[in-house]
Amino acid sequence: MSSLAWNCGMKLAQHRRFAVAVDVAVYFCDPRSPWQRGSNENTNGLLRQHLPRGSDLSVHSQDDLDAIALRLNTRPRKTLGYQTPAATLAQAVALTG
């Protein structure tokens, strides 16, 4: 990964320290500009296949939500060279020792 795009928010106030620590360029998207967050919007669309917008998450068990997360994390993604997010994360963690 060579860059990262974030929405603005208080939790991201330390973005400079993060960028230096992981040697990644950080970019902030403009408000109401979803096209600037392509993979994020794609993931939202995949999530909406299971949980329509405005869904009440309290009616779902943790097991149900975990099953949805597993399906999303084990689905190959073009943006990851057709690897799964789970495999990509495992590779990144393995590299950190």
PDB file of N, CA and C in Angstrom:
ATOM      1  N   MET A   1       0.856  -1.165   0.000  1.00  0.00           N
ATOM      2  CA  MET A   1       0.000   0.000   0.000  1.00  0.00           C
ATOM      3  C   MET A   1       0.902   1.227   0.000  1.00  0.00           C
ATOM      4  N   SER A   2       0.583   2.162  -0.877  1.00  0.00           N
ATOM      5  CA  SER A   2       1.410   3.364  -0.963  1.00  0.00           C
ATOM      6  C   SER A   2       0.677   4.626  -0.547  1.00  0.00           C
ATOM      7  N   SER A   3      -0.648   4.564  -0.435  1.00  0.00           N
ATOM      8  CA  SER A   3      -1.404   5.731   0.015  1.00  0.00           C
ATOM      9  C   SER A   3      -2.668   5.278   0.718  1.00  0.00           C
ATOM     10  N   LEU A   4      -3.270   6.197   1.456  1.00  0.00           N
ATOM     11  CA  LEU A   4      -4.465   5.917   2.225  1.00  0.00           C
ATOM     12  C   LEU A   4      -5.351   7.148   2.181  1.00  0.00           C
ATOM     13  N   ALA A   5      -6.641   6.959   1.924  1.00  0.00           N
ATOM     14  CA  ALA A   5      -7.593   8.079   1.917  1.00  0.00           C
ATOM     15  C   ALA A   5      -8.532   7.917   3.101  1.00  0.00           C
ATOM     16  N   TRP A   6      -8.674   8.975   3.884  1.00  0.00           N
ATOM     17  CA  TRP A   6      -9.513   8.956   5.071  1.00  0.00           C
ATOM     18  C   TRP A   6     -10.579  10.024   4.991  1.00  0.00           C
ATOM     19  N   ASN A   7     -11.695   9.756   5.665  1.00  0.00           N
ATOM     20  CA  ASN A   7     -12.665  10.808   5.940  1.00  0.00           C
ATOM     21  C   ASN A   7     -12.108  11.624   7.100  1.00  0.00           C
ATOM     22  N   CYS A   8     -12.584  12.826   7.263  1.00  0.00           N
ATOM     23  CA  CYS A   8     -12.135  13.654   8.382  1.00  0.00           C
ATOM     24  C   CYS A   8     -12.838  13.211   9.651  1.00  0.00           C
ATOM     25  N   GLY A   9     -12.219  13.423  10.783  1.00  0.00           N
ATOM     26  CA  GLY A   9     -12.817  13.083  12.064  1.00  0.00           C
ATOM     27  C   GLY A   9     -11.794  13.223  13.172  1.00  0.00           C
ATOM     28  N   MET A  10     -12.271  13.366  14.395  1.00  0.00           N
ATOM     29  CA  MET A  10     -11.379  13.542  15.534  1.00  0.00           C
ATOM     30  C   MET A  10     -10.446  12.351  15.714  1.00  0.00           C
ATOM     31  N   LYS A  11     -10.931  11.138  15.435  1.00  0.00           N
ATOM     32  CA  LYS A  11     -10.095   9.962  15.637  1.00  0.00           C
ATOM     33  C   LYS A  11      -8.882   9.964  14.710  1.00  0.00           C
ATOM     34  N   LEU A  12      -8.896  10.814  13.707  1.00  0.00           N
ATOM     35  CA  LEU A  12      -7.801  10.865  12.753  1.00  0.00           C
ATOM     36  C   LEU A  12      -6.888  12.062  12.973  1.00  0.00           C
ATOM     37  N   ALA A  13      -7.023  12.680  14.128  1.00  0.00           N
ATOM     38  CA  ALA A  13      -6.247  13.886  14.406  1.00  0.00           C
ATOM     39  C   ALA A  13      -4.743  13.620  14.407  1.00  0.00           C
ATOM     40  N   GLN A  14      -4.343  12.384  14.621  1.00  0.00           N
ATOM     41  CA  GLN A  14      -2.925  12.020  14.668  1.00  0.00           C
ATOM     42  C   GLN A  14      -2.425  11.469  13.335  1.00  0.00           C
ATOM     43  N   HIS A  15      -3.044  11.883  12.228  1.00  0.00           N
ATOM     44  CA  HIS A  15      -2.708  11.296  10.930  1.00  0.00           C
ATOM     45  C   HIS A  15      -1.243  11.498  10.541  1.00  0.00           C
ATOM     46  N   ARG A  16      -0.654  12.602  10.915  1.00  0.00           N
ATOM     47  CA  ARG A  16       0.755  12.832  10.543  1.00  0.00           C
ATOM     48  C   ARG A  16       1.672  11.813  11.210  1.00  0.00           C
ATOM     49  N   ARG A  17       1.420  11.569  12.489  1.00  0.00           N
ATOM     50  CA  ARG A  17       2.235  10.588  13.217  1.00  0.00           C
ATOM     51  C   ARG A  17       2.050   9.200  12.604  1.00  0.00           C
ATOM     52  N   PHE A  18       0.820   8.862  12.267  1.00  0.00           N
ATOM     53  CA  PHE A  18       0.537   7.575  11.621  1.00  0.00           C
ATOM     54  C   PHE A  18       1.275   7.466  10.294  1.00  0.00           C
ATOM     55  N   ALA A  19       1.185   8.501   9.473  1.00  0.00           N
ATOM     56  CA  ALA A  19       1.809   8.483   8.144  1.00  0.00           C
ATOM     57  C   ALA A  19       3.316   8.281   8.246  1.00  0.00           C
ATOM     58  N   VAL A  20       3.942   8.922   9.213  1.00  0.00           N
ATOM     59  CA  VAL A  20       5.388   8.772   9.393  1.00  0.00           C
ATOM     60  C   VAL A  20       5.712   7.367   9.893  1.00  0.00           C
ATOM     61  N   ALA A  21       4.913   6.866  10.835  1.00  0.00           N
ATOM     62  CA  ALA A  21       5.186   5.554  11.434  1.00  0.00           C
ATOM     63  C   ALA A  21       5.104   4.423  10.420  1.00  0.00           C
ATOM     64  N   VAL A  22       4.166   4.508   9.487  1.00  0.00           N
ATOM     65  CA  VAL A  22       3.987   3.412   8.524  1.00  0.00           C
ATOM     66  C   VAL A  22       4.493   3.754   7.136  1.00  0.00           C
ATOM     67  N   ASP A  23       5.051   4.948   6.967  1.00  0.00           N
ATOM     68  CA  ASP A  23       5.606   5.395   5.681  1.00  0.00           C
ATOM     69  C   ASP A  23       4.577   5.282   4.555  1.00  0.00           C
ATOM     70  N   VAL A  24       3.406   5.861   4.805  1.00  0.00           N
ATOM     71  CA  VAL A  24       2.315   5.857   3.828  1.00  0.00           C
ATOM     72  C   VAL A  24       1.796   7.280   3.685  1.00  0.00           C
ATOM     73  N   ALA A  25       1.575   7.704   2.451  1.00  0.00           N
ATOM     74  CA  ALA A  25       0.982   9.024   2.216  1.00  0.00           C
ATOM     75  C   ALA A  25      -0.494   8.988   2.616  1.00  0.00           C
ATOM     76  N   VAL A  26      -0.952  10.002   3.326  1.00  0.00           N
ATOM     77  CA  VAL A  26      -2.345  10.082   3.771  1.00  0.00           C
ATOM     78  C   VAL A  26      -3.031  11.221   3.034  1.00  0.00           C
ATOM     79  N   TYR A  27      -4.204  10.938   2.484  1.00  0.00           N
ATOM     80  CA  TYR A  27      -5.003  11.935   1.775  1.00  0.00           C
ATOM     81  C   TYR A  27      -6.377  12.002   2.423  1.00  0.00           C
ATOM     82  N   PHE A  28      -6.946  13.206   2.476  1.00  0.00           N
ATOM     83  CA  PHE A  28      -8.289  13.378   3.010  1.00  0.00           C
ATOM     84  C   PHE A  28      -9.250  13.639   1.862  1.00  0.00           C
ATOM     85  N   CYS A  29     -10.369  12.940   1.886  1.00  0.00           N
ATOM     86  CA  CYS A  29     -11.388  13.100   0.848  1.00  0.00           C
ATOM     87  C   CYS A  29     -12.244  14.317   1.155  1.00  0.00           C
ATOM     88  N   ASP A  30     -12.759  14.919   0.104  1.00  0.00           N
ATOM     89  CA  ASP A  30     -13.670  16.043   0.277  1.00  0.00           C
ATOM     90  C   ASP A  30     -15.022  15.536   0.763  1.00  0.00           C
ATOM     91  N   PRO A  31     -15.712  16.320   1.608  1.00  0.00           N
ATOM     92  CA  PRO A  31     -17.045  15.923   2.061  1.00  0.00           C
ATOM     93  C   PRO A  31     -17.985  15.680   0.877  1.00  0.00           C
ATOM     94  N   ARG A  32     -18.846  14.716   1.024  1.00  0.00           N
ATOM     95  CA  ARG A  32     -19.864  14.364   0.022  1.00  0.00           C
ATOM     96  C   ARG A  32     -19.238  14.068  -1.344  1.00  0.00           C
ATOM     97  N   SER A  33     -18.100  13.381  -1.332  1.00  0.00           N
ATOM     98  CA  SER A  33     -17.404  13.020  -2.573  1.00  0.00           C
ATOM     99  C   SER A  33     -17.055  11.531  -2.561  1.00  0.00           C
ATOM    100  N   PRO A  34     -18.057  10.660  -2.622  1.00  0.00           N
ATOM    101  CA  PRO A  34     -17.797   9.220  -2.493  1.00  0.00           C
ATOM    102  C   PRO A  34     -16.884   8.659  -3.574  1.00  0.00           C
ATOM    103  N   TRP A  35     -16.823   9.304  -4.740  1.00  0.00           N
ATOM    104  CA  TRP A  35     -15.957   8.805  -5.810  1.00  0.00           C
ATOM    105  C   TRP A  35     -14.481   8.890  -5.433  1.00  0.00           C
ATOM    106  N   GLN A  36     -14.164   9.654  -4.393  1.00  0.00           N
ATOM    107  CA  GLN A  36     -12.778   9.756  -3.945  1.00  0.00           C
ATOM    108  C   GLN A  36     -12.393   8.596  -3.020  1.00  0.00           C
ATOM    109  N   ARG A  37     -13.368   7.782  -2.660  1.00  0.00           N
ATOM    110  CA  ARG A  37     -13.135   6.650  -1.767  1.00  0.00           C
ATOM    111  C   ARG A  37     -13.642   5.371  -2.436  1.00  0.00           C
ATOM    112  N   GLY A  38     -13.117   5.068  -3.589  1.00  0.00           N
ATOM    113  CA  GLY A  38     -13.636   3.977  -4.408  1.00  0.00           C
ATOM    114  C   GLY A  38     -13.756   2.637  -3.718  1.00  0.00           C
ATOM    115  N   SER A  39     -12.680   2.149  -3.107  1.00  0.00           N
ATOM    116  CA  SER A  39     -12.762   0.823  -2.494  1.00  0.00           C
ATOM    117  C   SER A  39     -13.680   0.839  -1.283  1.00  0.00           C
ATOM    118  N   ASN A  40     -13.745   1.962  -0.569  1.00  0.00           N
ATOM    119  CA  ASN A  40     -14.656   2.088   0.557  1.00  0.00           C
ATOM    120  C   ASN A  40     -16.102   2.007   0.093  1.00  0.00           C
ATOM    121  N   GLU A  41     -16.424   2.706  -0.980  1.00  0.00           N
ATOM    122  CA  GLU A  41     -17.791   2.689  -1.500  1.00  0.00           C
ATOM    123  C   GLU A  41     -18.144   1.305  -2.037  1.00  0.00           C
ATOM    124  N   ASN A  42     -17.183   0.623  -2.652  1.00  0.00           N
ATOM    125  CA  ASN A  42     -17.428  -0.731  -3.132  1.00  0.00           C
ATOM    126  C   ASN A  42     -17.737  -1.664  -1.960  1.00  0.00           C
ATOM    127  N   THR A  43     -16.970  -1.544  -0.893  1.00  0.00           N
ATOM    128  CA  THR A  43     -17.199  -2.377   0.286  1.00  0.00           C
ATOM    129  C   THR A  43     -18.556  -2.075   0.902  1.00  0.00           C
ATOM    130  N   ASN A  44     -18.945  -0.808   0.934  1.00  0.00           N
ATOM    131  CA  ASN A  44     -20.278  -0.462   1.433  1.00  0.00           C
ATOM    132  C   ASN A  44     -21.354  -1.149   0.602  1.00  0.00           C
ATOM    133  N   GLY A  45     -21.165  -1.180  -0.719  1.00  0.00           N
ATOM    134  CA  GLY A  45     -22.126  -1.848  -1.592  1.00  0.00           C
ATOM    135  C   GLY A  45     -22.209  -3.338  -1.308  1.00  0.00           C
ATOM    136  N   LEU A  46     -21.059  -3.969  -1.075  1.00  0.00           N
ATOM    137  CA  LEU A  46     -21.056  -5.393  -0.742  1.00  0.00           C
ATOM    138  C   LEU A  46     -21.762  -5.635   0.590  1.00  0.00           C
ATOM    139  N   LEU A  47     -21.531  -4.761   1.545  1.00  0.00           N
ATOM    140  CA  LEU A  47     -22.187  -4.883   2.844  1.00  0.00           C
ATOM    141  C   LEU A  47     -23.699  -4.725   2.714  1.00  0.00           C
ATOM    142  N   ARG A  48     -24.135  -3.822   1.844  1.00  0.00           N
ATOM    143  CA  ARG A  48     -25.571  -3.583   1.651  1.00  0.00           C
ATOM    144  C   ARG A  48     -26.281  -4.794   1.047  1.00  0.00           C
ATOM    145  N   GLN A  49     -25.535  -5.730   0.451  1.00  0.00           N
ATOM    146  CA  GLN A  49     -26.153  -6.967  -0.030  1.00  0.00           C
ATOM    147  C   GLN A  49     -26.690  -7.786   1.138  1.00  0.00           C
ATOM    148  N   HIS A  50     -26.092  -7.596   2.310  1.00  0.00           N
ATOM    149  CA  HIS A  50     -26.489  -8.342   3.504  1.00  0.00           C
ATOM    150  C   HIS A  50     -27.300  -7.495   4.475  1.00  0.00           C
ATOM    151  N   LEU A  51     -26.960  -6.216   4.551  1.00  0.00           N
ATOM    152  CA  LEU A  51     -27.608  -5.299   5.490  1.00  0.00           C
ATOM    153  C   LEU A  51     -28.000  -4.027   4.750  1.00  0.00           C
ATOM    154  N   PRO A  52     -29.253  -3.906   4.352  1.00  0.00           N
ATOM    155  CA  PRO A  52     -29.682  -2.698   3.636  1.00  0.00           C
ATOM    156  C   PRO A  52     -29.432  -1.439   4.467  1.00  0.00           C
ATOM    157  N   ARG A  53     -29.247  -0.325   3.781  1.00  0.00           N
ATOM    158  CA  ARG A  53     -29.027   0.966   4.445  1.00  0.00           C
ATOM    159  C   ARG A  53     -30.137   1.197   5.474  1.00  0.00           C
ATOM    160  N   GLY A  54     -29.746   1.650   6.646  1.00  0.00           N
ATOM    161  CA  GLY A  54     -30.705   1.935   7.704  1.00  0.00           C
ATOM    162  C   GLY A  54     -31.096   0.718   8.524  1.00  0.00           C
ATOM    163  N   SER A  55     -30.451  -0.424   8.273  1.00  0.00           N
ATOM    164  CA  SER A  55     -30.777  -1.638   9.026  1.00  0.00           C
ATOM    165  C   SER A  55     -30.509  -1.433  10.513  1.00  0.00           C
ATOM    166  N   ASP A  56     -31.364  -2.017  11.327  1.00  0.00           N
ATOM    167  CA  ASP A  56     -31.190  -1.993  12.775  1.00  0.00           C
ATOM    168  C   ASP A  56     -30.281  -3.163  13.143  1.00  0.00           C
ATOM    169  N   LEU A  57     -29.035  -2.872  13.450  1.00  0.00           N
ATOM    170  CA  LEU A  57     -28.076  -3.939  13.743  1.00  0.00           C
ATOM    171  C   LEU A  57     -28.402  -4.676  15.033  1.00  0.00           C
ATOM    172  N   SER A  58     -29.184  -4.064  15.914  1.00  0.00           N
ATOM    173  CA  SER A  58     -29.501  -4.704  17.190  1.00  0.00           C
ATOM    174  C   SER A  58     -30.388  -5.934  17.019  1.00  0.00           C
ATOM    175  N   VAL A  59     -31.021  -6.096  15.864  1.00  0.00           N
ATOM    176  CA  VAL A  59     -31.865  -7.280  15.647  1.00  0.00           C
ATOM    177  C   VAL A  59     -31.047  -8.466  15.141  1.00  0.00           C
ATOM    178  N   HIS A  60     -29.763  -8.256  14.882  1.00  0.00           N
ATOM    179  CA  HIS A  60     -28.885  -9.321  14.409  1.00  0.00           C
ATOM    180  C   HIS A  60     -28.001  -9.797  15.553  1.00  0.00           C
ATOM    181  N   SER A  61     -27.792 -11.103  15.618  1.00  0.00           N
ATOM    182  CA  SER A  61     -26.892 -11.636  16.639  1.00  0.00           C
ATOM    183  C   SER A  61     -25.445 -11.361  16.235  1.00  0.00           C
ATOM    184  N   GLN A  62     -24.555 -11.464  17.208  1.00  0.00           N
ATOM    185  CA  GLN A  62     -23.132 -11.302  16.899  1.00  0.00           C
ATOM    186  C   GLN A  62     -22.680 -12.379  15.921  1.00  0.00           C
ATOM    187  N   ASP A  63     -23.240 -13.589  16.055  1.00  0.00           N
ATOM    188  CA  ASP A  63     -22.899 -14.665  15.115  1.00  0.00           C
ATOM    189  C   ASP A  63     -23.306 -14.302  13.693  1.00  0.00           C
ATOM    190  N   ASP A  64     -24.489 -13.679  13.537  1.00  0.00           N
ATOM    191  CA  ASP A  64     -24.939 -13.245  12.205  1.00  0.00           C
ATOM    192  C   ASP A  64     -23.969 -12.219  11.617  1.00  0.00           C
ATOM    193  N   LEU A  65     -23.590 -11.235  12.424  1.00  0.00           N
ATOM    194  CA  LEU A  65     -22.678 -10.188  11.954  1.00  0.00           C
ATOM    195  C   LEU A  65     -21.294 -10.753  11.653  1.00  0.00           C
ATOM    196  N   ASP A  66     -20.845 -11.707  12.480  1.00  0.00           N
ATOM    197  CA  ASP A  66     -19.553 -12.355  12.229  1.00  0.00           C
ATOM    198  C   ASP A  66     -19.580 -13.135  10.922  1.00  0.00           C
ATOM    199  N   ALA A  67     -20.710 -13.781  10.617  1.00  0.00           N
ATOM    200  CA  ALA A  67     -20.836 -14.542   9.366  1.00  0.00           C
ATOM    201  C   ALA A  67     -20.770 -13.607   8.157  1.00  0.00           C
ATOM    202  N   ILE A  68     -21.400 -12.447   8.263  1.00  0.00           N
ATOM    203  CA  ILE A  68     -21.339 -11.459   7.176  1.00  0.00           C
ATOM    204  C   ILE A  68     -19.902 -10.979   6.999  1.00  0.00           C
ATOM    205  N   ALA A  69     -19.238 -10.673   8.104  1.00  0.00           N
ATOM    206  CA  ALA A  69     -17.842 -10.220   8.036  1.00  0.00           C
ATOM    207  C   ALA A  69     -16.960 -11.291   7.405  1.00  0.00           C
ATOM    208  N   LEU A  70     -17.185 -12.546   7.763  1.00  0.00           N
ATOM    209  CA  LEU A  70     -16.394 -13.636   7.184  1.00  0.00           C
ATOM    210  C   LEU A  70     -16.610 -13.726   5.677  1.00  0.00           C
ATOM    211  N   ARG A  71     -17.867 -13.602   5.237  1.00  0.00           N
ATOM    212  CA  ARG A  71     -18.143 -13.642   3.788  1.00  0.00           C
ATOM    213  C   ARG A  71     -17.435 -12.501   3.066  1.00  0.00           C
ATOM    214  N   LEU A  72     -17.475 -11.310   3.642  1.00  0.00           N
ATOM    215  CA  LEU A  72     -16.823 -10.164   2.996  1.00  0.00           C
ATOM    216  C   LEU A  72     -15.299 -10.294   3.013  1.00  0.00           C
ATOM    217  N   ASN A  73     -14.758 -10.792   4.113  1.00  0.00           N
ATOM    218  CA  ASN A  73     -13.303 -10.880   4.248  1.00  0.00           C
ATOM    219  C   ASN A  73     -12.690 -12.051   3.493  1.00  0.00           C
ATOM    220  N   THR A  74     -13.525 -12.983   3.031  1.00  0.00           N
ATOM    221  CA  THR A  74     -13.010 -14.122   2.262  1.00  0.00           C
ATOM    222  C   THR A  74     -13.447 -14.057   0.804  1.00  0.00           C
ATOM    223  N   ARG A  75     -13.940 -12.913   0.385  1.00  0.00           N
ATOM    224  CA  ARG A  75     -14.337 -12.702  -1.008  1.00  0.00           C
ATOM    225  C   ARG A  75     -13.180 -12.040  -1.763  1.00  0.00           C
ATOM    226  N   PRO A  76     -12.692 -12.663  -2.833  1.00  0.00           N
ATOM    227  CA  PRO A  76     -11.588 -12.059  -3.592  1.00  0.00           C
ATOM    228  C   PRO A  76     -11.970 -10.674  -4.120  1.00  0.00           C
ATOM    229  N   ARG A  77     -10.984  -9.773  -4.124  1.00  0.00           N
ATOM    230  CA  ARG A  77     -11.203  -8.402  -4.591  1.00  0.00           C
ATOM    231  C   ARG A  77     -10.230  -8.064  -5.706  1.00  0.00           C
ATOM    232  N   LYS A  78     -10.741  -7.465  -6.751  1.00  0.00           N
ATOM    233  CA  LYS A  78      -9.899  -7.054  -7.871  1.00  0.00           C
ATOM    234  C   LYS A  78      -8.796  -6.115  -7.400  1.00  0.00           C
ATOM    235  N   THR A  79      -9.157  -5.175  -6.526  1.00  0.00           N
ATOM    236  CA  THR A  79      -8.192  -4.181  -6.051  1.00  0.00           C
ATOM    237  C   THR A  79      -7.040  -4.806  -5.262  1.00  0.00           C
ATOM    238  N   LEU A  80      -7.220  -6.056  -4.815  1.00  0.00           N
ATOM    239  CA  LEU A  80      -6.171  -6.769  -4.078  1.00  0.00           C
ATOM    240  C   LEU A  80      -5.526  -7.850  -4.944  1.00  0.00           C
ATOM    241  N   GLY A  81      -5.631  -7.695  -6.251  1.00  0.00           N
ATOM    242  CA  GLY A  81      -5.065  -8.696  -7.152  1.00  0.00           C
ATOM    243  C   GLY A  81      -5.792 -10.027  -7.042  1.00  0.00           C
ATOM    244  N   TYR A  82      -7.080  -9.969  -6.782  1.00  0.00           N
ATOM    245  CA  TYR A  82      -7.961 -11.127  -6.638  1.00  0.00           C
ATOM    246  C   TYR A  82      -7.609 -11.991  -5.436  1.00  0.00           C
ATOM    247  N   GLN A  83      -6.900 -11.409  -4.479  1.00  0.00           N
ATOM    248  CA  GLN A  83      -6.722 -12.061  -3.188  1.00  0.00           C
ATOM    249  C   GLN A  83      -7.865 -11.609  -2.284  1.00  0.00           C
ATOM    250  N   THR A  84      -8.031 -12.288  -1.178  1.00  0.00           N
ATOM    251  CA  THR A  84      -9.065 -11.896  -0.229  1.00  0.00           C
ATOM    252  C   THR A  84      -8.496 -10.887   0.764  1.00  0.00           C
ATOM    253  N   PRO A  85      -9.358 -10.062   1.366  1.00  0.00           N
ATOM    254  CA  PRO A  85      -8.873  -9.166   2.416  1.00  0.00           C
ATOM    255  C   PRO A  85      -8.216  -9.940   3.561  1.00  0.00           C
ATOM    256  N   ALA A  86      -8.776 -11.104   3.912  1.00  0.00           N
ATOM    257  CA  ALA A  86      -8.206 -11.899   5.004  1.00  0.00           C
ATOM    258  C   ALA A  86      -6.791 -12.350   4.671  1.00  0.00           C
ATOM    259  N   ALA A  87      -6.579 -12.822   3.450  1.00  0.00           N
ATOM    260  CA  ALA A  87      -5.244 -13.278   3.045  1.00  0.00           C
ATOM    261  C   ALA A  87      -4.267 -12.109   2.984  1.00  0.00           C
ATOM    262  N   THR A  88      -4.725 -10.970   2.493  1.00  0.00           N
ATOM    263  CA  THR A  88      -3.868  -9.791   2.398  1.00  0.00           C
ATOM    264  C   THR A  88      -3.449  -9.319   3.786  1.00  0.00           C
ATOM    265  N   LEU A  89      -4.386  -9.309   4.728  1.00  0.00           N
ATOM    266  CA  LEU A  89      -4.057  -8.924   6.099  1.00  0.00           C
ATOM    267  C   LEU A  89      -3.076  -9.918   6.711  1.00  0.00           C
ATOM    268  N   ALA A  90      -3.310 -11.206   6.509  1.00  0.00           N
ATOM    269  CA  ALA A  90      -2.411 -12.224   7.063  1.00  0.00           C
ATOM    270  C   ALA A  90      -0.991 -12.046   6.531  1.00  0.00           C
ATOM    271  N   GLN A  91      -0.869 -11.741   5.249  1.00  0.00           N
ATOM    272  CA  GLN A  91       0.456 -11.512   4.661  1.00  0.00           C
ATOM    273  C   GLN A  91       1.119 -10.279   5.270  1.00  0.00           C
ATOM    274  N   ALA A  92       0.345  -9.220   5.448  1.00  0.00           N
ATOM    275  CA  ALA A  92       0.895  -7.989   6.029  1.00  0.00           C
ATOM    276  C   ALA A  92       1.336  -8.216   7.472  1.00  0.00           C
ATOM    277  N   VAL A  93       0.545  -8.948   8.234  1.00  0.00           N
ATOM    278  CA  VAL A  93       0.899  -9.238   9.628  1.00  0.00           C
ATOM    279  C   VAL A  93       2.153 -10.104   9.681  1.00  0.00           C
ATOM    280  N   ALA A  94       2.248 -11.080   8.790  1.00  0.00           N
ATOM    281  CA  ALA A  94       3.422 -11.958   8.761  1.00  0.00           C
ATOM    282  C   ALA A  94       4.698 -11.168   8.484  1.00  0.00           C
ATOM    283  N   LEU A  95       4.592 -10.125   7.688  1.00  0.00           N
ATOM    284  CA  LEU A  95       5.762  -9.310   7.360  1.00  0.00           C
ATOM    285  C   LEU A  95       6.249  -8.476   8.538  1.00  0.00           C
ATOM    286  N   THR A  96       5.363  -8.230   9.500  1.00  0.00           N
ATOM    287  CA  THR A  96       5.744  -7.413  10.657  1.00  0.00           C
ATOM    288  C   THR A  96       6.475  -8.231  11.713  1.00  0.00           C
ATOM    289  N   GLY A  97       6.507  -9.552  11.538  1.00  0.00           N
ATOM    290  CA  GLY A  97       7.267 -10.427  12.430  1.00  0.00           C
ATOM    291  C   GLY A  97       6.517 -10.727  13.652  1.00  0.00           C
TER     292      GLY A  97
END
